[in-house]
Amino acid sequence: MERKYAWHNYDDATMEKVYALSDTYRQFLDNGKTERECVVQAVEFAEAKGYVNLKDIIKNNTPIKAGDKIYYTYMDKSIALFNIGTDDIELGMNILGAHIDSPRIDVKQNPQYEDSNLLFWDTHYYGGIKKYHWVAMPLAIHGVVVKTDGTRININIGDKETDPVFCITDLLPHLGQEQMQKNAAKVIEGEALDLLIGSRPVKDEEKEGVSKFINNLLEKEYGFVERDLLSAELEIVPAGKARDMGFDRSMVMAYGQDDRVCAYTSLVAMLEVDNVKRTTCCLLVDKEEIGSVGATGMQSRFFENAVAEILTLMGKPNSVSVRRTLEKSRMLSS
């Protein structure tokens, strides 16, 4: 069956909506380069539409009824939104699902080392990446640092015009003849993806001078020190904003569109719906890029637990109701 090209179906009014959606989508990508940042935005959008935190509902033991709009976050990395319908929830839900993690490079827990008067952070890559894409390009650092006193610092360095950026080094073309004989998978090895973060030493310091200078700067400018990296979760992502692509601005060039293009459109669709017969749900989750494992991936029980909490507050406090609800649900997984 031949499918008609989507652009041919848009009239002028629809075309305006398409470009308006693209504008807000680019903003979502700019402000959501990590799964944590995507969850923060999703909560802001949901609360603006009248959604209430399930944790507050549980705390107050508030009964849940048709028309209620609820969201539930887990470990700041996954979120489920529910719009309770007038039909019995045990008849199932309509679920939209997508993931908000993307391939990237992570900073290890004890990463900092100095070599040849340059200071690096040791890293490992997350998800399927083409390693040669990540060298000699501006990179940013996003994530959280938890200090020894328990203070949590949100980190976003490299995406403001006044910020420094970082890079993973590569060989100059005339020095890389042997490197260029390797196949694409071996041109840049995973162990070579270390992040260059500085080169200026403390004056008159011969040993570890760059490390001392950067440590002083980190504490002064960003509020943490090297030992705090042990309890940090820092992600290395491309620096820069999402941009329209093509003379006709018909495409978007940006990091993280796998799978935030589906996550954002699912979220927008969910929030545009008011009263429903069949309960609707939007599920945006972490860890898809590495097999959906871990506490925040879909192999965990956080979604079933959220459904169980909702059913309990609807007067259905038993596991049979949970199983019936999930069994009869339908899901569009994008």
C-alpha atoms as a PDB file:
ATOM      1  CA  MET A   1       0.000   0.000   0.000  1.00  0.00           C
ATOM      2  CA  GLU A   2       1.370   3.386  -0.991  1.00  0.00           C
ATOM      3  CA  ARG A   3       1.253   5.961   1.791  1.00  0.00           C
ATOM      4  CA  LYS A   4       0.806   9.642   1.068  1.00  0.00           C
ATOM      5  CA  TYR A   5       3.660  11.924   2.119  1.00  0.00           C
ATOM      6  CA  ALA A   6       2.537  13.615   5.356  1.00  0.00           C
ATOM      7  CA  TRP A   7       3.403  17.138   4.196  1.00  0.00           C
ATOM      8  CA  HIS A   8       0.773  16.844   1.423  1.00  0.00           C
ATOM      9  CA  ASN A   9      -1.971  16.425   4.048  1.00  0.00           C
ATOM     10  CA  TYR A  10      -1.338  19.765   5.797  1.00  0.00           C
ATOM     11  CA  ASP A  11      -3.403  22.835   5.002  1.00  0.00           C
ATOM     12  CA  ASP A  12      -2.096  26.281   5.961  1.00  0.00           C
ATOM     13  CA  ALA A  13      -3.676  26.244   9.423  1.00  0.00           C
ATOM     14  CA  THR A  14      -2.255  22.809  10.189  1.00  0.00           C
ATOM     15  CA  MET A  15       1.147  23.834   8.872  1.00  0.00           C
ATOM     16  CA  GLU A  16       1.240  26.682  11.406  1.00  0.00           C
ATOM     17  CA  LYS A  17       0.496  24.205  14.182  1.00  0.00           C
ATOM     18  CA  VAL A  18       3.253  21.886  12.958  1.00  0.00           C
ATOM     19  CA  TYR A  19       5.855  24.641  13.129  1.00  0.00           C
ATOM     20  CA  ALA A  20       4.535  25.878  16.484  1.00  0.00           C
ATOM     21  CA  LEU A  21       4.888  22.363  17.896  1.00  0.00           C
ATOM     22  CA  SER A  22       8.405  22.204  16.482  1.00  0.00           C
ATOM     23  CA  ASP A  23       9.316  25.428  18.310  1.00  0.00           C
ATOM     24  CA  THR A  24       8.229  24.063  21.689  1.00  0.00           C
ATOM     25  CA  TYR A  25       9.845  20.706  20.908  1.00  0.00           C
ATOM     26  CA  ARG A  26      13.224  22.382  20.346  1.00  0.00           C
ATOM     27  CA  GLN A  27      12.866  24.114  23.710  1.00  0.00           C
ATOM     28  CA  PHE A  28      12.103  20.752  25.325  1.00  0.00           C
ATOM     29  CA  LEU A  29      15.283  19.300  23.812  1.00  0.00           C
ATOM     30  CA  ASP A  30      17.377  22.292  24.920  1.00  0.00           C
ATOM     31  CA  ASN A  31      16.104  22.054  28.494  1.00  0.00           C
ATOM     32  CA  GLY A  32      16.054  18.261  28.630  1.00  0.00           C
ATOM     33  CA  LYS A  33      19.432  16.824  27.709  1.00  0.00           C
ATOM     34  CA  THR A  34      19.198  14.242  30.490  1.00  0.00           C
ATOM     35  CA  GLU A  35      16.367  12.071  31.751  1.00  0.00           C
ATOM     36  CA  ARG A  36      16.280  14.067  35.020  1.00  0.00           C
ATOM     37  CA  GLU A  37      15.797  17.321  33.113  1.00  0.00           C
ATOM     38  CA  CYS A  38      13.042  15.753  31.001  1.00  0.00           C
ATOM     39  CA  VAL A  39      11.185  14.682  34.152  1.00  0.00           C
ATOM     40  CA  VAL A  40      11.477  18.214  35.601  1.00  0.00           C
ATOM     41  CA  GLN A  41       9.885  19.648  32.461  1.00  0.00           C
ATOM     42  CA  ALA A  42       7.171  16.995  32.363  1.00  0.00           C
ATOM     43  CA  VAL A  43       6.211  17.824  35.962  1.00  0.00           C
ATOM     44  CA  GLU A  44       6.073  21.555  35.170  1.00  0.00           C
ATOM     45  CA  PHE A  45       3.857  20.946  32.128  1.00  0.00           C
ATOM     46  CA  ALA A  46       1.620  18.515  34.035  1.00  0.00           C
ATOM     47  CA  GLU A  47       1.098  20.776  37.043  1.00  0.00           C
ATOM     48  CA  ALA A  48       0.202  23.646  34.706  1.00  0.00           C
ATOM     49  CA  LYS A  49      -2.578  21.379  33.363  1.00  0.00           C
ATOM     50  CA  GLY A  50      -3.903  20.541  36.813  1.00  0.00           C
ATOM     51  CA  TYR A  51      -2.100  17.261  37.464  1.00  0.00           C
ATOM     52  CA  VAL A  52      -1.404  16.409  41.123  1.00  0.00           C
ATOM     53  CA  ASN A  53       1.513  14.458  42.590  1.00  0.00           C
ATOM     54  CA  LEU A  54       0.445  10.928  43.564  1.00  0.00           C
ATOM     55  CA  LYS A  55       2.809  11.058  46.540  1.00  0.00           C
ATOM     56  CA  ASP A  56       0.798  13.957  48.002  1.00  0.00           C
ATOM     57  CA  ILE A  57      -2.467  12.099  47.362  1.00  0.00           C
ATOM     58  CA  ILE A  58      -1.109   9.027  49.178  1.00  0.00           C
ATOM     59  CA  LYS A  59       0.157  11.145  52.069  1.00  0.00           C
ATOM     60  CA  ASN A  60      -3.264  12.763  52.537  1.00  0.00           C
ATOM     61  CA  ASN A  61      -5.129   9.511  51.807  1.00  0.00           C
ATOM     62  CA  THR A  62      -7.307  11.364  49.295  1.00  0.00           C
ATOM     63  CA  PRO A  63      -9.779   9.157  47.357  1.00  0.00           C
ATOM     64  CA  ILE A  64      -9.214   9.074  43.587  1.00  0.00           C
ATOM     65  CA  LYS A  65     -12.184   9.464  41.261  1.00  0.00           C
ATOM     66  CA  ALA A  66     -13.032   9.944  37.605  1.00  0.00           C
ATOM     67  CA  GLY A  67     -11.676  13.231  36.246  1.00  0.00           C
ATOM     68  CA  ASP A  68      -8.617  13.265  38.497  1.00  0.00           C
ATOM     69  CA  LYS A  69      -5.271  13.948  36.828  1.00  0.00           C
ATOM     70  CA  ILE A  70      -2.266  12.439  38.530  1.00  0.00           C
ATOM     71  CA  TYR A  71       1.470  12.146  37.968  1.00  0.00           C
ATOM     72  CA  TYR A  72       4.029   9.934  39.674  1.00  0.00           C
ATOM     73  CA  THR A  73       7.820  10.340  39.446  1.00  0.00           C
ATOM     74  CA  TYR A  74      10.352   7.738  40.446  1.00  0.00           C
ATOM     75  CA  MET A  75      13.915   8.597  41.478  1.00  0.00           C
ATOM     76  CA  ASP A  76      13.653  11.763  39.333  1.00  0.00           C
ATOM     77  CA  LYS A  77      14.254   9.690  36.180  1.00  0.00           C
ATOM     78  CA  SER A  78      10.893   8.230  35.164  1.00  0.00           C
ATOM     79  CA  ILE A  79       7.359   9.602  35.211  1.00  0.00           C
ATOM     80  CA  ALA A  80       3.870   8.208  34.721  1.00  0.00           C
ATOM     81  CA  LEU A  81       0.815  10.425  34.162  1.00  0.00           C
ATOM     82  CA  PHE A  82      -2.787   9.257  34.599  1.00  0.00           C
ATOM     83  CA  ASN A  83      -6.077  10.835  33.515  1.00  0.00           C
ATOM     84  CA  ILE A  84      -8.757   8.855  35.345  1.00  0.00           C
ATOM     85  CA  GLY A  85     -11.716   8.003  33.101  1.00  0.00           C
ATOM     86  CA  THR A  86     -15.393   7.399  33.828  1.00  0.00           C
ATOM     87  CA  ASP A  87     -15.196   3.713  32.835  1.00  0.00           C
ATOM     88  CA  ASP A  88     -14.164   1.142  35.432  1.00  0.00           C
ATOM     89  CA  ILE A  89     -10.351   1.218  35.440  1.00  0.00           C
ATOM     90  CA  GLU A  90     -10.323  -2.595  35.591  1.00  0.00           C
ATOM     91  CA  LEU A  91     -11.486  -2.478  31.961  1.00  0.00           C
ATOM     92  CA  GLY A  92      -7.968  -1.268  31.186  1.00  0.00           C
ATOM     93  CA  MET A  93      -6.093   1.897  30.291  1.00  0.00           C
ATOM     94  CA  ASN A  94      -4.852   3.462  27.056  1.00  0.00           C
ATOM     95  CA  ILE A  95      -1.100   3.904  27.531  1.00  0.00           C
ATOM     96  CA  LEU A  96       1.436   5.946  25.563  1.00  0.00           C
ATOM     97  CA  GLY A  97       5.017   4.873  26.217  1.00  0.00           C
ATOM     98  CA  ALA A  98       8.419   6.290  25.286  1.00  0.00           C
ATOM     99  CA  HIS A  99      11.874   6.619  26.819  1.00  0.00           C
ATOM    100  CA  ILE A 100      13.714   9.775  27.847  1.00  0.00           C
ATOM    101  CA  ASP A 101      17.266   8.465  28.185  1.00  0.00           C
ATOM    102  CA  SER A 102      19.611   8.909  25.226  1.00  0.00           C
ATOM    103  CA  PRO A 103      23.088   7.624  24.297  1.00  0.00           C
ATOM    104  CA  ARG A 104      25.758   9.678  26.017  1.00  0.00           C
ATOM    105  CA  ILE A 105      29.025   9.532  27.966  1.00  0.00           C
ATOM    106  CA  ASP A 106      29.044   9.250  31.767  1.00  0.00           C
ATOM    107  CA  VAL A 107      31.709  10.442  34.197  1.00  0.00           C
ATOM    108  CA  LYS A 108      33.080   7.690  36.423  1.00  0.00           C
ATOM    109  CA  GLN A 109      32.940   7.936  40.222  1.00  0.00           C
ATOM    110  CA  ASN A 110      36.652   8.598  40.787  1.00  0.00           C
ATOM    111  CA  PRO A 111      37.477  10.193  37.449  1.00  0.00           C
ATOM    112  CA  GLN A 112      40.080  12.897  37.778  1.00  0.00           C
ATOM    113  CA  TYR A 113      43.687  12.434  36.634  1.00  0.00           C
ATOM    114  CA  GLU A 114      46.491  14.587  35.270  1.00  0.00           C
ATOM    115  CA  ASP A 115      48.605  13.542  32.282  1.00  0.00           C
ATOM    116  CA  SER A 116      51.169  15.623  30.357  1.00  0.00           C
ATOM    117  CA  ASN A 117      50.033  18.782  32.153  1.00  0.00           C
ATOM    118  CA  LEU A 118      46.441  18.222  31.057  1.00  0.00           C
ATOM    119  CA  LEU A 119      43.571  17.340  33.400  1.00  0.00           C
ATOM    120  CA  PHE A 120      41.005  14.709  32.392  1.00  0.00           C
ATOM    121  CA  TRP A 121      37.902  12.995  33.714  1.00  0.00           C
ATOM    122  CA  ASP A 122      37.713   9.263  33.097  1.00  0.00           C
ATOM    123  CA  THR A 123      34.438   8.174  31.477  1.00  0.00           C
ATOM    124  CA  HIS A 124      32.431   5.291  30.108  1.00  0.00           C
ATOM    125  CA  TYR A 125      29.800   5.421  27.407  1.00  0.00           C
ATOM    126  CA  TYR A 126      26.090   4.725  27.915  1.00  0.00           C
ATOM    127  CA  GLY A 127      23.979   3.142  25.197  1.00  0.00           C
ATOM    128  CA  GLY A 128      24.985   2.570  21.612  1.00  0.00           C
ATOM    129  CA  ILE A 129      27.223   5.371  20.377  1.00  0.00           C
ATOM    130  CA  LYS A 130      29.484   5.840  17.380  1.00  0.00           C
ATOM    131  CA  LYS A 131      32.543   6.801  19.372  1.00  0.00           C
ATOM    132  CA  TYR A 132      34.159   8.813  16.569  1.00  0.00           C
ATOM    133  CA  HIS A 133      31.176  11.208  16.671  1.00  0.00           C
ATOM    134  CA  TRP A 134      32.198  12.409  20.130  1.00  0.00           C
ATOM    135  CA  VAL A 135      35.760  13.644  19.573  1.00  0.00           C
ATOM    136  CA  ALA A 136      36.899  17.208  18.849  1.00  0.00           C
ATOM    137  CA  MET A 137      33.443  18.699  19.371  1.00  0.00           C
ATOM    138  CA  PRO A 138      32.075  21.027  22.092  1.00  0.00           C
ATOM    139  CA  LEU A 139      30.644  19.054  25.005  1.00  0.00           C
ATOM    140  CA  ALA A 140      28.629  20.045  28.075  1.00  0.00           C
ATOM    141  CA  ILE A 141      28.326  18.519  31.551  1.00  0.00           C
ATOM    142  CA  HIS A 142      24.834  17.939  33.001  1.00  0.00           C
ATOM    143  CA  GLY A 143      23.828  16.112  36.151  1.00  0.00           C
ATOM    144  CA  VAL A 144      23.868  16.228  39.929  1.00  0.00           C
ATOM    145  CA  VAL A 145      26.539  16.305  42.604  1.00  0.00           C
ATOM    146  CA  VAL A 146      25.733  15.273  46.176  1.00  0.00           C
ATOM    147  CA  LYS A 147      28.241  16.753  48.604  1.00  0.00           C
ATOM    148  CA  THR A 148      29.484  15.033  51.751  1.00  0.00           C
ATOM    149  CA  ASP A 149      27.074  17.106  53.860  1.00  0.00           C
ATOM    150  CA  GLY A 150      24.102  15.884  51.797  1.00  0.00           C
ATOM    151  CA  THR A 151      23.686  19.084  49.787  1.00  0.00           C
ATOM    152  CA  ARG A 152      22.597  18.393  46.197  1.00  0.00           C
ATOM    153  CA  ILE A 153      23.889  20.609  43.386  1.00  0.00           C
ATOM    154  CA  ASN A 154      22.379  20.580  39.907  1.00  0.00           C
ATOM    155  CA  ILE A 155      25.082  20.853  37.253  1.00  0.00           C
ATOM    156  CA  ASN A 156      24.618  22.382  33.801  1.00  0.00           C
ATOM    157  CA  ILE A 157      27.902  23.641  32.358  1.00  0.00           C
ATOM    158  CA  GLY A 158      28.522  24.249  28.680  1.00  0.00           C
ATOM    159  CA  ASP A 159      25.177  25.251  27.200  1.00  0.00           C
ATOM    160  CA  LYS A 160      25.118  28.949  28.065  1.00  0.00           C
ATOM    161  CA  GLU A 161      27.088  31.240  25.772  1.00  0.00           C
ATOM    162  CA  THR A 162      29.159  32.398  28.767  1.00  0.00           C
ATOM    163  CA  ASP A 163      29.981  28.827  29.869  1.00  0.00           C
ATOM    164  CA  PRO A 164      33.169  26.963  29.055  1.00  0.00           C
ATOM    165  CA  VAL A 165      32.824  23.805  26.989  1.00  0.00           C
ATOM    166  CA  PHE A 166      34.827  20.583  27.105  1.00  0.00           C
ATOM    167  CA  CYS A 167      36.077  18.049  24.577  1.00  0.00           C
ATOM    168  CA  ILE A 168      37.480  14.603  23.942  1.00  0.00           C
ATOM    169  CA  THR A 169      40.759  14.962  22.087  1.00  0.00           C
ATOM    170  CA  ASP A 170      41.663  13.451  18.734  1.00  0.00           C
ATOM    171  CA  LEU A 171      44.772  13.249  16.571  1.00  0.00           C
ATOM    172  CA  LEU A 172      45.515  15.807  13.876  1.00  0.00           C
ATOM    173  CA  PRO A 173      45.073  14.356  10.354  1.00  0.00           C
ATOM    174  CA  HIS A 174      48.819  14.328   9.585  1.00  0.00           C
ATOM    175  CA  LEU A 175      49.496  12.489  12.871  1.00  0.00           C
ATOM    176  CA  GLY A 176      46.653  10.007  12.482  1.00  0.00           C
ATOM    177  CA  GLN A 177      47.734   7.943   9.485  1.00  0.00           C
ATOM    178  CA  GLU A 178      47.903   4.728  11.518  1.00  0.00           C
ATOM    179  CA  GLN A 179      44.603   5.554  13.214  1.00  0.00           C
ATOM    180  CA  MET A 180      42.874   6.005   9.859  1.00  0.00           C
ATOM    181  CA  GLN A 181      43.783   2.446   8.864  1.00  0.00           C
ATOM    182  CA  LYS A 182      41.399   1.110  11.509  1.00  0.00           C
ATOM    183  CA  ASN A 183      37.746   0.332  10.872  1.00  0.00           C
ATOM    184  CA  ALA A 184      35.087   2.726  12.182  1.00  0.00           C
ATOM    185  CA  ALA A 185      34.509   0.742  15.377  1.00  0.00           C
ATOM    186  CA  LYS A 186      38.215   1.008  16.289  1.00  0.00           C
ATOM    187  CA  VAL A 187      39.155   4.525  15.116  1.00  0.00           C
ATOM    188  CA  ILE A 188      38.366   5.792  18.618  1.00  0.00           C
ATOM    189  CA  GLU A 189      38.528   3.243  21.423  1.00  0.00           C
ATOM    190  CA  GLY A 190      36.134   3.450  24.369  1.00  0.00           C
ATOM    191  CA  GLU A 191      39.045   3.934  26.763  1.00  0.00           C
ATOM    192  CA  ALA A 192      40.101   7.024  24.796  1.00  0.00           C
ATOM    193  CA  LEU A 193      36.850   8.901  25.466  1.00  0.00           C
ATOM    194  CA  ASP A 194      38.211  10.838  28.439  1.00  0.00           C
ATOM    195  CA  LEU A 195      37.057  14.412  28.895  1.00  0.00           C
ATOM    196  CA  LEU A 196      39.636  17.206  28.804  1.00  0.00           C
ATOM    197  CA  ILE A 197      38.700  19.720  31.523  1.00  0.00           C
ATOM    198  CA  GLY A 198      41.727  21.963  32.030  1.00  0.00           C
ATOM    199  CA  SER A 199      45.403  22.771  31.461  1.00  0.00           C
ATOM    200  CA  ARG A 200      46.270  25.729  33.704  1.00  0.00           C
ATOM    201  CA  PRO A 201      48.434  24.936  36.753  1.00  0.00           C
ATOM    202  CA  VAL A 202      48.739  26.661  40.089  1.00  0.00           C
ATOM    203  CA  LYS A 203      51.720  29.012  39.769  1.00  0.00           C
ATOM    204  CA  ASP A 204      55.049  27.477  40.808  1.00  0.00           C
ATOM    205  CA  GLU A 205      53.422  24.067  41.408  1.00  0.00           C
ATOM    206  CA  GLU A 206      55.408  21.379  39.595  1.00  0.00           C
ATOM    207  CA  LYS A 207      53.392  18.351  40.734  1.00  0.00           C
ATOM    208  CA  GLU A 208      49.632  18.020  40.086  1.00  0.00           C
ATOM    209  CA  GLY A 209      49.511  21.779  39.493  1.00  0.00           C
ATOM    210  CA  VAL A 210      46.622  21.655  37.020  1.00  0.00           C
ATOM    211  CA  SER A 211      44.611  19.413  39.313  1.00  0.00           C
ATOM    212  CA  LYS A 212      45.068  21.839  42.200  1.00  0.00           C
ATOM    213  CA  PHE A 213      44.068  24.817  40.065  1.00  0.00           C
ATOM    214  CA  ILE A 214      40.913  23.121  38.746  1.00  0.00           C
ATOM    215  CA  ASN A 215      39.942  21.861  42.219  1.00  0.00           C
ATOM    216  CA  ASN A 216      40.147  25.391  43.579  1.00  0.00           C
ATOM    217  CA  LEU A 217      38.101  26.673  40.647  1.00  0.00           C
ATOM    218  CA  LEU A 218      35.429  23.971  41.038  1.00  0.00           C
ATOM    219  CA  GLU A 219      34.931  24.876  44.685  1.00  0.00           C
ATOM    220  CA  LYS A 220      34.858  28.610  44.022  1.00  0.00           C
ATOM    221  CA  GLU A 221      32.724  28.652  40.863  1.00  0.00           C
ATOM    222  CA  TYR A 222      30.514  25.579  41.180  1.00  0.00           C
ATOM    223  CA  GLY A 223      30.395  24.720  44.890  1.00  0.00           C
ATOM    224  CA  PHE A 224      31.892  21.217  44.899  1.00  0.00           C
ATOM    225  CA  VAL A 225      35.330  19.584  45.141  1.00  0.00           C
ATOM    226  CA  GLU A 226      36.952  16.485  43.682  1.00  0.00           C
ATOM    227  CA  ARG A 227      35.892  14.135  46.485  1.00  0.00           C
ATOM    228  CA  ASP A 228      32.240  15.064  45.825  1.00  0.00           C
ATOM    229  CA  LEU A 229      32.519  13.339  42.438  1.00  0.00           C
ATOM    230  CA  LEU A 230      32.273  10.019  44.287  1.00  0.00           C
ATOM    231  CA  SER A 231      28.570  10.706  44.825  1.00  0.00           C
ATOM    232  CA  ALA A 232      27.923  12.547  41.551  1.00  0.00           C
ATOM    233  CA  GLU A 233      26.009  11.510  38.464  1.00  0.00           C
ATOM    234  CA  LEU A 234      27.350  13.565  35.577  1.00  0.00           C
ATOM    235  CA  GLU A 235      26.459  13.073  31.921  1.00  0.00           C
ATOM    236  CA  ILE A 236      28.514  14.356  28.989  1.00  0.00           C
ATOM    237  CA  VAL A 237      26.325  15.583  26.120  1.00  0.00           C
ATOM    238  CA  PRO A 238      26.858  17.723  23.008  1.00  0.00           C
ATOM    239  CA  ALA A 239      26.842  21.443  23.766  1.00  0.00           C
ATOM    240  CA  GLY A 240      24.566  23.792  21.896  1.00  0.00           C
ATOM    241  CA  LYS A 241      20.916  24.329  21.115  1.00  0.00           C
ATOM    242  CA  ALA A 242      18.511  22.474  18.853  1.00  0.00           C
ATOM    243  CA  ARG A 243      18.242  24.147  15.460  1.00  0.00           C
ATOM    244  CA  ASP A 244      15.916  24.155  12.480  1.00  0.00           C
ATOM    245  CA  MET A 245      17.509  22.269   9.610  1.00  0.00           C
ATOM    246  CA  GLY A 246      17.127  22.884   5.872  1.00  0.00           C
ATOM    247  CA  PHE A 247      16.272  26.032   3.953  1.00  0.00           C
ATOM    248  CA  ASP A 248      12.614  25.137   4.489  1.00  0.00           C
ATOM    249  CA  ARG A 249      13.130  24.538   8.233  1.00  0.00           C
ATOM    250  CA  SER A 250      11.381  21.200   7.755  1.00  0.00           C
ATOM    251  CA  MET A 251      13.670  19.231  10.087  1.00  0.00           C
ATOM    252  CA  VAL A 252      15.293  19.558  13.493  1.00  0.00           C
ATOM    253  CA  MET A 253      19.005  19.076  14.173  1.00  0.00           C
ATOM    254  CA  ALA A 254      19.602  18.284  17.836  1.00  0.00           C
ATOM    255  CA  TYR A 255      21.014  15.839  20.334  1.00  0.00           C
ATOM    256  CA  GLY A 256      18.658  13.454  22.121  1.00  0.00           C
ATOM    257  CA  GLN A 257      15.881  12.920  19.585  1.00  0.00           C
ATOM    258  CA  ASP A 258      16.151   9.197  20.334  1.00  0.00           C
ATOM    259  CA  ASP A 259      13.637   8.982  21.921  1.00  0.00           C
ATOM    260  CA  ARG A 260      12.598  12.418  23.133  1.00  0.00           C
ATOM    261  CA  VAL A 261      10.823  13.086  19.839  1.00  0.00           C
ATOM    262  CA  CYS A 262       8.337  10.378  20.860  1.00  0.00           C
ATOM    263  CA  ALA A 263       8.385  11.319  24.545  1.00  0.00           C
ATOM    264  CA  TYR A 264       7.520  14.957  23.868  1.00  0.00           C
ATOM    265  CA  THR A 265       4.713  14.249  21.410  1.00  0.00           C
ATOM    266  CA  SER A 266       3.261  11.602  23.741  1.00  0.00           C
ATOM    267  CA  LEU A 267       3.367  14.071  26.629  1.00  0.00           C
ATOM    268  CA  VAL A 268       1.717  16.844  24.592  1.00  0.00           C
ATOM    269  CA  ALA A 269      -1.017  14.467  23.437  1.00  0.00           C
ATOM    270  CA  MET A 270      -1.629  13.330  27.015  1.00  0.00           C
ATOM    271  CA  LEU A 271      -1.884  16.854  28.389  1.00  0.00           C
ATOM    272  CA  GLU A 272      -4.223  18.088  25.638  1.00  0.00           C
ATOM    273  CA  VAL A 273      -6.934  15.603  26.666  1.00  0.00           C
ATOM    274  CA  ASP A 274      -9.420  16.606  29.380  1.00  0.00           C
ATOM    275  CA  ASN A 275     -12.340  14.312  30.181  1.00  0.00           C
ATOM    276  CA  VAL A 276     -12.008  10.681  29.098  1.00  0.00           C
ATOM    277  CA  LYS A 277     -14.080   7.526  29.328  1.00  0.00           C
ATOM    278  CA  ARG A 278     -11.183   5.094  29.399  1.00  0.00           C
ATOM    279  CA  THR A 279      -8.319   6.002  31.744  1.00  0.00           C
ATOM    280  CA  THR A 280      -5.303   7.294  29.839  1.00  0.00           C
ATOM    281  CA  CYS A 281      -1.665   7.051  30.845  1.00  0.00           C
ATOM    282  CA  CYS A 282       1.612   8.467  29.551  1.00  0.00           C
ATOM    283  CA  LEU A 283       4.722   6.565  30.604  1.00  0.00           C
ATOM    284  CA  LEU A 284       8.150   8.178  30.096  1.00  0.00           C
ATOM    285  CA  VAL A 285      10.987   6.032  31.360  1.00  0.00           C
ATOM    286  CA  ASP A 286      14.734   5.651  31.791  1.00  0.00           C
ATOM    287  CA  LYS A 287      17.270   2.943  30.858  1.00  0.00           C
ATOM    288  CA  GLU A 288      15.865   1.854  27.473  1.00  0.00           C
ATOM    289  CA  GLU A 289      19.244   2.378  25.847  1.00  0.00           C
ATOM    290  CA  ILE A 290      20.811  -0.364  28.004  1.00  0.00           C
ATOM    291  CA  GLY A 291      17.962  -2.877  28.123  1.00  0.00           C
ATOM    292  CA  SER A 292      15.433  -1.190  30.447  1.00  0.00           C
ATOM    293  CA  VAL A 293      17.246  -2.578  33.495  1.00  0.00           C
ATOM    294  CA  GLY A 294      17.625  -0.998  36.933  1.00  0.00           C
ATOM    295  CA  ALA A 295      15.263   0.673  39.356  1.00  0.00           C
ATOM    296  CA  THR A 296      14.111   3.303  36.849  1.00  0.00           C
ATOM    297  CA  GLY A 297      13.768   1.034  33.811  1.00  0.00           C
ATOM    298  CA  MET A 298      10.703  -0.905  32.730  1.00  0.00           C
ATOM    299  CA  GLN A 299      12.081  -4.140  34.187  1.00  0.00           C
ATOM    300  CA  SER A 300      11.473  -2.590  37.619  1.00  0.00           C
ATOM    301  CA  ARG A 301       8.098  -2.499  39.370  1.00  0.00           C
ATOM    302  CA  PHE A 302       7.632   1.245  39.698  1.00  0.00           C
ATOM    303  CA  PHE A 303       4.790   1.387  37.156  1.00  0.00           C
ATOM    304  CA  GLU A 304       2.879  -1.552  38.658  1.00  0.00           C
ATOM    305  CA  ASN A 305       3.376   0.005  42.104  1.00  0.00           C
ATOM    306  CA  ALA A 306       1.940   3.323  40.902  1.00  0.00           C
ATOM    307  CA  VAL A 307      -1.099   1.562  39.408  1.00  0.00           C
ATOM    308  CA  ALA A 308      -1.556  -0.375  42.668  1.00  0.00           C
ATOM    309  CA  GLU A 309      -1.483   2.851  44.705  1.00  0.00           C
ATOM    310  CA  ILE A 310      -4.082   4.458  42.430  1.00  0.00           C
ATOM    311  CA  LEU A 311      -6.375   1.419  42.601  1.00  0.00           C
ATOM    312  CA  THR A 312      -6.091   1.324  46.394  1.00  0.00           C
ATOM    313  CA  LEU A 313      -7.246   4.943  46.584  1.00  0.00           C
ATOM    314  CA  MET A 314     -10.119   4.044  44.236  1.00  0.00           C
ATOM    315  CA  GLY A 315     -11.338   1.396  46.682  1.00  0.00           C
ATOM    316  CA  LYS A 316      -9.682  -1.572  44.924  1.00  0.00           C
ATOM    317  CA  PRO A 317      -6.884  -2.536  47.332  1.00  0.00           C
ATOM    318  CA  ASN A 318      -5.987  -5.959  45.967  1.00  0.00           C
ATOM    319  CA  SER A 319      -3.500  -7.451  43.527  1.00  0.00           C
ATOM    320  CA  VAL A 320      -6.242  -8.997  41.378  1.00  0.00           C
ATOM    321  CA  SER A 321      -7.492  -5.523  40.420  1.00  0.00           C
ATOM    322  CA  VAL A 322      -3.953  -4.534  39.414  1.00  0.00           C
ATOM    323  CA  ARG A 323      -3.549  -7.605  37.216  1.00  0.00           C
ATOM    324  CA  ARG A 324      -6.965  -7.100  35.600  1.00  0.00           C
ATOM    325  CA  THR A 325      -6.206  -3.444  34.879  1.00  0.00           C
ATOM    326  CA  LEU A 326      -2.850  -4.192  33.286  1.00  0.00           C
ATOM    327  CA  GLU A 327      -4.101  -7.236  31.384  1.00  0.00           C
ATOM    328  CA  LYS A 328      -6.863  -5.260  29.672  1.00  0.00           C
ATOM    329  CA  SER A 329      -4.781  -2.170  28.957  1.00  0.00           C
ATOM    330  CA  ARG A 330      -3.596  -1.219  25.483  1.00  0.00           C
ATOM    331  CA  MET A 331      -0.229   0.439  24.844  1.00  0.00           C
ATOM    332  CA  LEU A 332       1.282   2.372  21.982  1.00  0.00           C
ATOM    333  CA  SER A 333       5.033   1.973  22.527  1.00  0.00           C
ATOM    334  CA  SER A 334       6.997   4.482  20.471  1.00  0.00           C
END
